[in-house]
Amino acid sequence: MKNFEEFRKKVLNAIESSDIVPARITEQETVITISIENPAHNAERLKKLSDYFEAEKIRFRSTVLLPAQNNTVHIAVYHS
């Protein structure tokens, strides 16, 4: 991927095509972080999104937070 804008468009299109509605998207210099609430409800969508990232050889890391009332998944997607 040549520049961050191209990378950003690719990531946002992947999110849209997976039908996930993120609670928050944070963009930094070389990473886009996606926060998704209620991961159990979005399990198939998350699988679709991770399959896309793997197929496109886009580096990402998932973190699951399990507070008492609100389960959240954070996915950090790295621009290389």
Protein backbone atom coordinates (compact mmCIF):
# COMPACT_ATOMS: atom_id res chain seq x y z
CA MET A 1 0.00 0.00 0.00
CA LYS A 2 1.54 3.23 -1.16
CA ASN A 3 0.17 5.74 1.32
CA PHE A 4 -1.93 6.00 4.44
CA GLU A 5 -5.00 7.34 2.62
CA GLU A 6 -5.10 4.28 0.34
CA PHE A 7 -4.63 2.04 3.39
CA ARG A 8 -7.39 3.92 5.26
CA LYS A 9 -9.86 3.47 2.38
CA LYS A 10 -9.07 -0.24 2.19
CA VAL A 11 -9.65 -0.72 5.94
CA LEU A 12 -12.88 1.31 5.98
CA ASN A 13 -14.21 -0.60 2.95
CA ALA A 14 -13.41 -3.88 4.71
CA ILE A 15 -15.32 -2.76 7.80
CA GLU A 16 -18.29 -1.67 5.70
CA SER A 17 -18.37 -4.89 3.67
CA SER A 18 -18.28 -7.00 6.85
CA ASP A 19 -21.45 -5.23 8.11
CA ILE A 20 -19.78 -4.32 11.40
CA VAL A 21 -20.85 -1.06 13.01
CA PRO A 22 -17.87 0.03 15.13
CA ALA A 23 -18.42 1.85 18.41
CA ARG A 24 -15.32 3.90 17.62
CA ILE A 25 -12.60 4.20 14.98
CA THR A 26 -9.35 5.89 15.97
CA GLU A 27 -6.76 6.85 13.35
CA GLN A 28 -3.14 7.46 14.22
CA GLU A 29 -0.02 7.88 12.13
CA THR A 30 0.45 4.21 11.19
CA VAL A 31 -2.50 2.39 12.78
CA ILE A 32 -6.28 2.38 12.71
CA THR A 33 -7.97 1.03 15.83
CA ILE A 34 -11.52 -0.28 15.59
CA SER A 35 -13.59 -0.75 18.77
CA ILE A 36 -16.52 -3.15 18.50
CA GLU A 37 -18.98 -3.74 21.32
CA ASN A 38 -20.81 -7.02 21.91
CA PRO A 39 -18.39 -9.29 20.04
CA ALA A 40 -20.58 -12.38 20.49
CA HIS A 41 -23.28 -10.68 18.42
CA ASN A 42 -20.68 -9.85 15.75
CA ALA A 43 -18.77 -13.16 15.72
CA GLU A 44 -19.41 -14.04 12.05
CA ARG A 45 -18.77 -10.45 10.99
CA LEU A 46 -15.48 -10.38 12.91
CA LYS A 47 -14.44 -13.64 11.22
CA LYS A 48 -15.25 -12.14 7.81
CA LEU A 49 -13.21 -9.03 8.63
CA SER A 50 -10.18 -10.98 9.89
CA ASP A 51 -10.32 -13.28 6.85
CA TYR A 52 -10.23 -10.19 4.61
CA PHE A 53 -7.23 -8.72 6.45
CA GLU A 54 -5.38 -12.05 6.22
CA ALA A 55 -6.15 -12.44 2.51
CA GLU A 56 -4.88 -8.91 1.82
CA LYS A 57 -1.81 -9.50 4.02
CA ILE A 58 -2.77 -6.59 6.26
CA ARG A 59 -1.24 -6.83 9.73
CA PHE A 60 -3.70 -6.60 12.60
CA ARG A 61 -4.02 -7.51 16.27
CA SER A 62 -7.21 -8.16 18.23
CA THR A 63 -7.67 -7.50 21.94
CA VAL A 64 -10.77 -8.59 23.85
CA LEU A 65 -11.80 -6.60 26.93
CA LEU A 66 -14.24 -8.26 29.29
CA PRO A 67 -15.47 -5.67 31.79
CA ALA A 68 -18.47 -6.61 33.93
CA GLN A 69 -21.17 -5.19 31.66
CA ASN A 70 -19.72 -4.47 28.25
CA ASN A 71 -17.59 -6.83 26.18
CA THR A 72 -15.47 -5.00 23.63
CA VAL A 73 -13.05 -6.05 20.90
CA HIS A 74 -10.30 -3.67 19.81
CA ILE A 75 -8.67 -4.40 16.47
CA ALA A 76 -5.47 -2.53 15.64
CA VAL A 77 -4.76 -2.53 11.89
CA TYR A 78 -1.20 -1.56 10.94
CA HIS A 79 -0.06 0.35 7.87
CA SER A 80 3.25 -1.05 6.67
